[in-house]
Amino acid sequence: MHAAERMAEKDSISKIERYKKEEKHTLRRLRLARNAASEQAQTVDYSSYQSHLQELIVELKGALLDIEVALQQSLENARNGFFSNVKSIND
């Protein structure tokens, strides 16, 4: 169980860091586009940046949910194993 918790924690941290890295690059591209647009007296279309970030968030939520489900299954397996051990000891 401890191994599953540690693996889930490492996977979660890895996926969050990957998201933060991509978010940082997207915001940097947005900042550069906004600076270029202001120099040319134009406006920036934020919708593509917003939709990209929303896709990343949905992907991150899905990945974290998958990790949580796997951890719950591991916990259930450990619980069932414990109960079967107790039952075999009692019998």
PDB file of N, CA and C in Angstrom:
ATOM      1  N   MET A   1       0.826  -1.197   0.000  1.00  0.00           N
ATOM      2  CA  MET A   1       0.000   0.000   0.000  1.00  0.00           C
ATOM      3  C   MET A   1       0.864   1.253   0.000  1.00  0.00           C
ATOM      4  N   HIS A   2       1.935   1.218   0.785  1.00  0.00           N
ATOM      5  CA  HIS A   2       2.814   2.395   0.834  1.00  0.00           C
ATOM      6  C   HIS A   2       3.465   2.651  -0.523  1.00  0.00           C
ATOM      7  N   ALA A   3       3.821   1.566  -1.207  1.00  0.00           N
ATOM      8  CA  ALA A   3       4.423   1.723  -2.530  1.00  0.00           C
ATOM      9  C   ALA A   3       3.435   2.363  -3.500  1.00  0.00           C
ATOM     10  N   ALA A   4       2.177   1.954  -3.419  1.00  0.00           N
ATOM     11  CA  ALA A   4       1.155   2.530  -4.304  1.00  0.00           C
ATOM     12  C   ALA A   4       0.944   4.003  -3.987  1.00  0.00           C
ATOM     13  N   GLU A   5       0.965   4.359  -2.705  1.00  0.00           N
ATOM     14  CA  GLU A   5       0.802   5.773  -2.327  1.00  0.00           C
ATOM     15  C   GLU A   5       1.965   6.606  -2.838  1.00  0.00           C
ATOM     16  N   ARG A   6       3.158   6.090  -2.687  1.00  0.00           N
ATOM     17  CA  ARG A   6       4.338   6.833  -3.158  1.00  0.00           C
ATOM     18  C   ARG A   6       4.330   6.984  -4.677  1.00  0.00           C
ATOM     19  N   MET A   7       3.949   5.906  -5.366  1.00  0.00           N
ATOM     20  CA  MET A   7       3.894   5.965  -6.826  1.00  0.00           C
ATOM     21  C   MET A   7       2.834   6.964  -7.276  1.00  0.00           C
ATOM     22  N   ALA A   8       1.680   6.952  -6.608  1.00  0.00           N
ATOM     23  CA  ALA A   8       0.614   7.892  -6.955  1.00  0.00           C
ATOM     24  C   ALA A   8       1.067   9.328  -6.711  1.00  0.00           C
ATOM     25  N   GLU A   9       1.764   9.545  -5.615  1.00  0.00           N
ATOM     26  CA  GLU A   9       2.251  10.888  -5.307  1.00  0.00           C
ATOM     27  C   GLU A   9       3.264  11.347  -6.349  1.00  0.00           C
ATOM     28  N   LYS A  10       4.190  10.468  -6.720  1.00  0.00           N
ATOM     29  CA  LYS A  10       5.192  10.820  -7.735  1.00  0.00           C
ATOM     30  C   LYS A  10       4.528  11.111  -9.075  1.00  0.00           C
ATOM     31  N   ASP A  11       3.574  10.266  -9.458  1.00  0.00           N
ATOM     32  CA  ASP A  11       2.872  10.480 -10.731  1.00  0.00           C
ATOM     33  C   ASP A  11       2.095  11.793 -10.718  1.00  0.00           C
ATOM     34  N   SER A  12       1.431  12.084  -9.608  1.00  0.00           N
ATOM     35  CA  SER A  12       0.662  13.324  -9.498  1.00  0.00           C
ATOM     36  C   SER A  12       1.568  14.534  -9.616  1.00  0.00           C
ATOM     37  N   ILE A  13       2.657  14.506  -8.893  1.00  0.00           N
ATOM     38  CA  ILE A  13       3.605  15.626  -8.939  1.00  0.00           C
ATOM     39  C   ILE A  13       4.161  15.793 -10.340  1.00  0.00           C
ATOM     40  N   SER A  14       4.492  14.691 -10.981  1.00  0.00           N
ATOM     41  CA  SER A  14       5.033  14.739 -12.343  1.00  0.00           C
ATOM     42  C   SER A  14       4.034  15.358 -13.314  1.00  0.00           C
ATOM     43  N   LYS A  15       2.792  14.947 -13.223  1.00  0.00           N
ATOM     44  CA  LYS A  15       1.771  15.468 -14.137  1.00  0.00           C
ATOM     45  C   LYS A  15       1.471  16.940 -13.860  1.00  0.00           C
ATOM     46  N   ILE A  16       1.460  17.331 -12.604  1.00  0.00           N
ATOM     47  CA  ILE A  16       1.235  18.736 -12.262  1.00  0.00           C
ATOM     48  C   ILE A  16       2.399  19.592 -12.746  1.00  0.00           C
ATOM     49  N   GLU A  17       3.622  19.111 -12.564  1.00  0.00           N
ATOM     50  CA  GLU A  17       4.789  19.859 -13.037  1.00  0.00           C
ATOM     51  C   GLU A  17       4.781  19.988 -14.554  1.00  0.00           C
ATOM     52  N   ARG A  18       4.372  18.920 -15.248  1.00  0.00           N
ATOM     53  CA  ARG A  18       4.284  18.973 -16.711  1.00  0.00           C
ATOM     54  C   ARG A  18       3.252  20.012 -17.134  1.00  0.00           C
ATOM     55  N   TYR A  19       2.104  20.048 -16.440  1.00  0.00           N
ATOM     56  CA  TYR A  19       1.086  21.057 -16.736  1.00  0.00           C
ATOM     57  C   TYR A  19       1.620  22.463 -16.493  1.00  0.00           C
ATOM     58  N   LYS A  20       2.260  22.682 -15.342  1.00  0.00           N
ATOM     59  CA  LYS A  20       2.771  24.016 -15.012  1.00  0.00           C
ATOM     60  C   LYS A  20       3.805  24.475 -16.044  1.00  0.00           C
ATOM     61  N   LYS A  21       4.618  23.551 -16.529  1.00  0.00           N
ATOM     62  CA  LYS A  21       5.618  23.884 -17.538  1.00  0.00           C
ATOM     63  C   LYS A  21       4.937  24.318 -18.835  1.00  0.00           C
ATOM     64  N   GLU A  22       3.938  23.562 -19.263  1.00  0.00           N
ATOM     65  CA  GLU A  22       3.220  23.909 -20.491  1.00  0.00           C
ATOM     66  C   GLU A  22       2.442  25.204 -20.320  1.00  0.00           C
ATOM     67  N   GLU A  23       1.866  25.412 -19.138  1.00  0.00           N
ATOM     68  CA  GLU A  23       1.144  26.647 -18.854  1.00  0.00           C
ATOM     69  C   GLU A  23       2.091  27.845 -18.937  1.00  0.00           C
ATOM     70  N   LYS A  24       3.270  27.687 -18.382  1.00  0.00           N
ATOM     71  CA  LYS A  24       4.274  28.754 -18.409  1.00  0.00           C
ATOM     72  C   LYS A  24       4.655  29.104 -19.845  1.00  0.00           C
ATOM     73  N   HIS A  25       4.846  28.080 -20.691  1.00  0.00           N
ATOM     74  CA  HIS A  25       5.203  28.337 -22.089  1.00  0.00           C
ATOM     75  C   HIS A  25       4.051  29.008 -22.841  1.00  0.00           C
ATOM     76  N   THR A  26       2.838  28.580 -22.556  1.00  0.00           N
ATOM     77  CA  THR A  26       1.673  29.183 -23.214  1.00  0.00           C
ATOM     78  C   THR A  26       1.521  30.640 -22.812  1.00  0.00           C
ATOM     79  N   LEU A  27       1.676  30.928 -21.535  1.00  0.00           N
ATOM     80  CA  LEU A  27       1.568  32.318 -21.079  1.00  0.00           C
ATOM     81  C   LEU A  27       2.708  33.175 -21.634  1.00  0.00           C
ATOM     82  N   ARG A  28       3.877  32.584 -21.806  1.00  0.00           N
ATOM     83  CA  ARG A  28       4.996  33.323 -22.413  1.00  0.00           C
ATOM     84  C   ARG A  28       4.677  33.654 -23.866  1.00  0.00           C
ATOM     85  N   ARG A  29       4.113  32.667 -24.612  1.00  0.00           N
ATOM     86  CA  ARG A  29       3.727  32.931 -26.005  1.00  0.00           C
ATOM     87  C   ARG A  29       2.655  34.005 -26.065  1.00  0.00           C
ATOM     88  N   LEU A  30       1.719  33.981 -25.136  1.00  0.00           N
ATOM     89  CA  LEU A  30       0.663  34.991 -25.078  1.00  0.00           C
ATOM     90  C   LEU A  30       1.258  36.371 -24.813  1.00  0.00           C
ATOM     91  N   ARG A  31       2.182  36.442 -23.887  1.00  0.00           N
ATOM     92  CA  ARG A  31       2.820  37.724 -23.565  1.00  0.00           C
ATOM     93  C   ARG A  31       3.565  38.276 -24.783  1.00  0.00           C
ATOM     94  N   LEU A  32       4.274  37.398 -25.492  1.00  0.00           N
ATOM     95  CA  LEU A  32       4.991  37.838 -26.695  1.00  0.00           C
ATOM     96  C   LEU A  32       4.015  38.301 -27.770  1.00  0.00           C
ATOM     97  N   ALA A  33       2.925  37.590 -27.948  1.00  0.00           N
ATOM     98  CA  ALA A  33       1.918  37.985 -28.944  1.00  0.00           C
ATOM     99  C   ALA A  33       1.281  39.309 -28.556  1.00  0.00           C
ATOM    100  N   ARG A  34       1.032  39.502 -27.276  1.00  0.00           N
ATOM    101  CA  ARG A  34       0.423  40.760 -26.816  1.00  0.00           C
ATOM    102  C   ARG A  34       1.387  41.930 -27.020  1.00  0.00           C
ATOM    103  N   ASN A  35       2.664  41.706 -26.755  1.00  0.00           N
ATOM    104  CA  ASN A  35       3.653  42.769 -26.974  1.00  0.00           C
ATOM    105  C   ASN A  35       3.769  43.102 -28.457  1.00  0.00           C
ATOM    106  N   ALA A  36       3.792  42.080 -29.302  1.00  0.00           N
ATOM    107  CA  ALA A  36       3.889  42.314 -30.741  1.00  0.00           C
ATOM    108  C   ALA A  36       2.640  43.026 -31.257  1.00  0.00           C
ATOM    109  N   ALA A  37       1.489  42.641 -30.730  1.00  0.00           N
ATOM    110  CA  ALA A  37       0.244  43.273 -31.165  1.00  0.00           C
ATOM    111  C   ALA A  37       0.168  44.725 -30.720  1.00  0.00           C
ATOM    112  N   SER A  38       0.658  45.018 -29.529  1.00  0.00           N
ATOM    113  CA  SER A  38       0.605  46.401 -29.051  1.00  0.00           C
ATOM    114  C   SER A  38       1.545  47.299 -29.855  1.00  0.00           C
ATOM    115  N   GLU A  39       2.655  46.726 -30.328  1.00  0.00           N
ATOM    116  CA  GLU A  39       3.583  47.509 -31.155  1.00  0.00           C
ATOM    117  C   GLU A  39       2.953  47.846 -32.511  1.00  0.00           C
ATOM    118  N   GLN A  40       2.079  46.975 -32.985  1.00  0.00           N
ATOM    119  CA  GLN A  40       1.440  47.175 -34.285  1.00  0.00           C
ATOM    120  C   GLN A  40       0.019  47.713 -34.142  1.00  0.00           C
ATOM    121  N   ALA A  41      -0.361  48.102 -32.948  1.00  0.00           N
ATOM    122  CA  ALA A  41      -1.696  48.647 -32.660  1.00  0.00           C
ATOM    123  C   ALA A  41      -2.803  47.681 -33.071  1.00  0.00           C
ATOM    124  N   GLN A  42      -2.603  46.406 -32.747  1.00  0.00           N
ATOM    125  CA  GLN A  42      -3.595  45.380 -33.033  1.00  0.00           C
ATOM    126  C   GLN A  42      -4.024  44.732 -31.723  1.00  0.00           C
ATOM    127  N   THR A  43      -5.003  43.857 -31.830  1.00  0.00           N
ATOM    128  CA  THR A  43      -5.450  43.116 -30.650  1.00  0.00           C
ATOM    129  C   THR A  43      -5.070  41.644 -30.796  1.00  0.00           C
ATOM    130  N   VAL A  44      -5.044  40.975 -29.678  1.00  0.00           N
ATOM    131  CA  VAL A  44      -4.676  39.556 -29.649  1.00  0.00           C
ATOM    132  C   VAL A  44      -5.943  38.727 -29.465  1.00  0.00           C
ATOM    133  N   ASP A  45      -6.036  37.641 -30.201  1.00  0.00           N
ATOM    134  CA  ASP A  45      -7.144  36.702 -30.031  1.00  0.00           C
ATOM    135  C   ASP A  45      -6.768  35.739 -28.905  1.00  0.00           C
ATOM    136  N   TYR A  46      -7.415  35.927 -27.773  1.00  0.00           N
ATOM    137  CA  TYR A  46      -7.095  35.129 -26.593  1.00  0.00           C
ATOM    138  C   TYR A  46      -7.750  33.749 -26.613  1.00  0.00           C
ATOM    139  N   SER A  47      -8.700  33.539 -27.481  1.00  0.00           N
ATOM    140  CA  SER A  47      -9.478  32.300 -27.456  1.00  0.00           C
ATOM    141  C   SER A  47      -8.617  31.059 -27.686  1.00  0.00           C
ATOM    142  N   SER A  48      -7.634  31.139 -28.560  1.00  0.00           N
ATOM    143  CA  SER A  48      -6.792  29.966 -28.810  1.00  0.00           C
ATOM    144  C   SER A  48      -5.949  29.633 -27.582  1.00  0.00           C
ATOM    145  N   TYR A  49      -5.447  30.658 -26.916  1.00  0.00           N
ATOM    146  CA  TYR A  49      -4.660  30.435 -25.694  1.00  0.00           C
ATOM    147  C   TYR A  49      -5.546  29.871 -24.581  1.00  0.00           C
ATOM    148  N   GLN A  50      -6.743  30.430 -24.481  1.00  0.00           N
ATOM    149  CA  GLN A  50      -7.677  29.975 -23.457  1.00  0.00           C
ATOM    150  C   GLN A  50      -8.100  28.526 -23.705  1.00  0.00           C
ATOM    151  N   SER A  51      -8.412  28.192 -24.939  1.00  0.00           N
ATOM    152  CA  SER A  51      -8.839  26.824 -25.237  1.00  0.00           C
ATOM    153  C   SER A  51      -7.692  25.832 -25.019  1.00  0.00           C
ATOM    154  N   HIS A  52      -6.472  26.237 -25.348  1.00  0.00           N
ATOM    155  CA  HIS A  52      -5.316  25.363 -25.121  1.00  0.00           C
ATOM    156  C   HIS A  52      -5.128  25.097 -23.627  1.00  0.00           C
ATOM    157  N   LEU A  53      -5.219  26.143 -22.824  1.00  0.00           N
ATOM    158  CA  LEU A  53      -5.074  25.971 -21.379  1.00  0.00           C
ATOM    159  C   LEU A  53      -6.219  25.140 -20.807  1.00  0.00           C
ATOM    160  N   GLN A  54      -7.423  25.322 -21.311  1.00  0.00           N
ATOM    161  CA  GLN A  54      -8.552  24.521 -20.843  1.00  0.00           C
ATOM    162  C   GLN A  54      -8.369  23.045 -21.198  1.00  0.00           C
ATOM    163  N   GLU A  55      -7.837  22.771 -22.383  1.00  0.00           N
ATOM    164  CA  GLU A  55      -7.546  21.390 -22.769  1.00  0.00           C
ATOM    165  C   GLU A  55      -6.519  20.776 -21.823  1.00  0.00           C
ATOM    166  N   LEU A  56      -5.498  21.556 -21.496  1.00  0.00           N
ATOM    167  CA  LEU A  56      -4.476  21.063 -20.573  1.00  0.00           C
ATOM    168  C   LEU A  56      -5.064  20.777 -19.193  1.00  0.00           C
ATOM    169  N   ILE A  57      -5.966  21.626 -18.742  1.00  0.00           N
ATOM    170  CA  ILE A  57      -6.590  21.441 -17.432  1.00  0.00           C
ATOM    171  C   ILE A  57      -7.454  20.182 -17.431  1.00  0.00           C
ATOM    172  N   VAL A  58      -8.219  19.985 -18.492  1.00  0.00           N
ATOM    173  CA  VAL A  58      -9.066  18.789 -18.587  1.00  0.00           C
ATOM    174  C   VAL A  58      -8.190  17.536 -18.601  1.00  0.00           C
ATOM    175  N   GLU A  59      -7.098  17.594 -19.338  1.00  0.00           N
ATOM    176  CA  GLU A  59      -6.167  16.466 -19.402  1.00  0.00           C
ATOM    177  C   GLU A  59      -5.556  16.188 -18.029  1.00  0.00           C
ATOM    178  N   LEU A  60      -5.173  17.249 -17.322  1.00  0.00           N
ATOM    179  CA  LEU A  60      -4.593  17.088 -15.986  1.00  0.00           C
ATOM    180  C   LEU A  60      -5.612  16.507 -15.023  1.00  0.00           C
ATOM    181  N   LYS A  61      -6.839  17.016 -15.053  1.00  0.00           N
ATOM    182  CA  LYS A  61      -7.889  16.486 -14.176  1.00  0.00           C
ATOM    183  C   LYS A  61      -8.120  15.003 -14.440  1.00  0.00           C
ATOM    184  N   GLY A  62      -8.156  14.622 -15.699  1.00  0.00           N
ATOM    185  CA  GLY A  62      -8.349  13.212 -16.058  1.00  0.00           C
ATOM    186  C   GLY A  62      -7.205  12.341 -15.557  1.00  0.00           C
ATOM    187  N   ALA A  63      -5.982  12.823 -15.726  1.00  0.00           N
ATOM    188  CA  ALA A  63      -4.819  12.058 -15.274  1.00  0.00           C
ATOM    189  C   ALA A  63      -4.816  11.908 -13.758  1.00  0.00           C
ATOM    190  N   LEU A  64      -5.145  12.995 -13.054  1.00  0.00           N
ATOM    191  CA  LEU A  64      -5.178  12.926 -11.594  1.00  0.00           C
ATOM    192  C   LEU A  64      -6.311  12.031 -11.108  1.00  0.00           C
ATOM    193  N   LEU A  65      -7.427  12.042 -11.812  1.00  0.00           N
ATOM    194  CA  LEU A  65      -8.531  11.159 -11.461  1.00  0.00           C
ATOM    195  C   LEU A  65      -8.148   9.694 -11.673  1.00  0.00           C
ATOM    196  N   ASP A  66      -7.443   9.413 -12.764  1.00  0.00           N
ATOM    197  CA  ASP A  66      -6.971   8.049 -13.015  1.00  0.00           C
ATOM    198  C   ASP A  66      -6.039   7.580 -11.899  1.00  0.00           C
ATOM    199  N   ILE A  67      -5.173   8.462 -11.461  1.00  0.00           N
ATOM    200  CA  ILE A  67      -4.252   8.126 -10.371  1.00  0.00           C
ATOM    201  C   ILE A  67      -5.036   7.858  -9.092  1.00  0.00           C
ATOM    202  N   GLU A  68      -6.029   8.688  -8.818  1.00  0.00           N
ATOM    203  CA  GLU A  68      -6.851   8.516  -7.619  1.00  0.00           C
ATOM    204  C   GLU A  68      -7.615   7.196  -7.659  1.00  0.00           C
ATOM    205  N   VAL A  69      -8.160   6.842  -8.815  1.00  0.00           N
ATOM    206  CA  VAL A  69      -8.893   5.574  -8.954  1.00  0.00           C
ATOM    207  C   VAL A  69      -7.952   4.395  -8.731  1.00  0.00           C
ATOM    208  N   ALA A  70      -6.752   4.466  -9.305  1.00  0.00           N
ATOM    209  CA  ALA A  70      -5.775   3.395  -9.100  1.00  0.00           C
ATOM    210  C   ALA A  70      -5.396   3.272  -7.631  1.00  0.00           C
ATOM    211  N   LEU A  71      -5.262   4.396  -6.959  1.00  0.00           N
ATOM    212  CA  LEU A  71      -4.933   4.375  -5.532  1.00  0.00           C
ATOM    213  C   LEU A  71      -6.090   3.790  -4.726  1.00  0.00           C
ATOM    214  N   GLN A  72      -7.309   4.125  -5.080  1.00  0.00           N
ATOM    215  CA  GLN A  72      -8.480   3.569  -4.401  1.00  0.00           C
ATOM    216  C   GLN A  72      -8.553   2.048  -4.602  1.00  0.00           C
ATOM    217  N   GLN A  73      -8.233   1.592  -5.806  1.00  0.00           N
ATOM    218  CA  GLN A  73      -8.233   0.159  -6.074  1.00  0.00           C
ATOM    219  C   GLN A  73      -7.153  -0.540  -5.260  1.00  0.00           C
ATOM    220  N   SER A  74      -6.000   0.085  -5.150  1.00  0.00           N
ATOM    221  CA  SER A  74      -4.927  -0.475  -4.343  1.00  0.00           C
ATOM    222  C   SER A  74      -5.338  -0.555  -2.882  1.00  0.00           C
ATOM    223  N   LEU A  75      -6.000   0.470  -2.396  1.00  0.00           N
ATOM    224  CA  LEU A  75      -6.494   0.475  -1.025  1.00  0.00           C
ATOM    225  C   LEU A  75      -7.533  -0.632  -0.817  1.00  0.00           C
ATOM    226  N   GLU A  76      -8.416  -0.808  -1.763  1.00  0.00           N
ATOM    227  CA  GLU A  76      -9.429  -1.859  -1.668  1.00  0.00           C
ATOM    228  C   GLU A  76      -8.781  -3.241  -1.669  1.00  0.00           C
ATOM    229  N   ASN A  77      -7.764  -3.418  -2.507  1.00  0.00           N
ATOM    230  CA  ASN A  77      -7.043  -4.696  -2.526  1.00  0.00           C
ATOM    231  C   ASN A  77      -6.348  -4.964  -1.199  1.00  0.00           C
ATOM    232  N   ALA A  78      -5.742  -3.948  -0.632  1.00  0.00           N
ATOM    233  CA  ALA A  78      -5.072  -4.100   0.666  1.00  0.00           C
ATOM    234  C   ALA A  78      -6.092  -4.424   1.748  1.00  0.00           C
ATOM    235  N   ARG A  79      -7.227  -3.778   1.701  1.00  0.00           N
ATOM    236  CA  ARG A  79      -8.297  -4.016   2.678  1.00  0.00           C
ATOM    237  C   ARG A  79      -8.812  -5.444   2.563  1.00  0.00           C
ATOM    238  N   ASN A  80      -9.066  -5.893   1.341  1.00  0.00           N
ATOM    239  CA  ASN A  80      -9.541  -7.266   1.129  1.00  0.00           C
ATOM    240  C   ASN A  80      -8.496  -8.287   1.576  1.00  0.00           C
ATOM    241  N   GLY A  81      -7.231  -7.993   1.302  1.00  0.00           N
ATOM    242  CA  GLY A  81      -6.155  -8.873   1.753  1.00  0.00           C
ATOM    243  C   GLY A  81      -6.096  -8.958   3.266  1.00  0.00           C
ATOM    244  N   PHE A  82      -6.274  -7.837   3.923  1.00  0.00           N
ATOM    245  CA  PHE A  82      -6.271  -7.811   5.385  1.00  0.00           C
ATOM    246  C   PHE A  82      -7.421  -8.643   5.937  1.00  0.00           C
ATOM    247  N   PHE A  83      -8.623  -8.455   5.372  1.00  0.00           N
ATOM    248  CA  PHE A  83      -9.779  -9.207   5.843  1.00  0.00           C
ATOM    249  C   PHE A  83      -9.603 -10.710   5.623  1.00  0.00           C
ATOM    250  N   SER A  84      -9.029 -11.085   4.490  1.00  0.00           N
ATOM    251  CA  SER A  84      -8.824 -12.522   4.244  1.00  0.00           C
ATOM    252  C   SER A  84      -7.781 -13.100   5.191  1.00  0.00           C
ATOM    253  N   ASN A  85      -6.758 -12.295   5.536  1.00  0.00           N
ATOM    254  CA  ASN A  85      -5.761 -12.750   6.513  1.00  0.00           C
ATOM    255  C   ASN A  85      -6.396 -12.921   7.887  1.00  0.00           C
ATOM    256  N   VAL A  86      -7.221 -11.986   8.289  1.00  0.00           N
ATOM    257  CA  VAL A  86      -7.897 -12.067   9.593  1.00  0.00           C
ATOM    258  C   VAL A  86      -8.831 -13.287   9.605  1.00  0.00           C
ATOM    259  N   LYS A  87      -9.541 -13.500   8.504  1.00  0.00           N
ATOM    260  CA  LYS A  87     -10.461 -14.624   8.433  1.00  0.00           C
ATOM    261  C   LYS A  87      -9.699 -15.940   8.520  1.00  0.00           C
ATOM    262  N   SER A  88      -8.574 -16.044   7.828  1.00  0.00           N
ATOM    263  CA  SER A  88      -7.799 -17.295   7.865  1.00  0.00           C
ATOM    264  C   SER A  88      -7.204 -17.516   9.258  1.00  0.00           C
ATOM    265  N   ILE A  89      -6.842 -16.451   9.952  1.00  0.00           N
ATOM    266  CA  ILE A  89      -6.327 -16.585  11.310  1.00  0.00           C
ATOM    267  C   ILE A  89      -7.436 -17.050  12.242  1.00  0.00           C
ATOM    268  N   ASN A  90      -8.627 -16.509  12.083  1.00  0.00           N
ATOM    269  CA  ASN A  90      -9.765 -16.889  12.936  1.00  0.00           C
ATOM    270  C   ASN A  90     -10.242 -18.312  12.679  1.00  0.00           C
ATOM    271  N   ASP A  91     -10.068 -18.796  11.450  1.00  0.00           N
ATOM    272  CA  ASP A  91     -10.520 -20.155  11.126  1.00  0.00           C
ATOM    273  C   ASP A  91      -9.476 -21.135  11.534  1.00  0.00           C
TER     274      ASP A  91
END
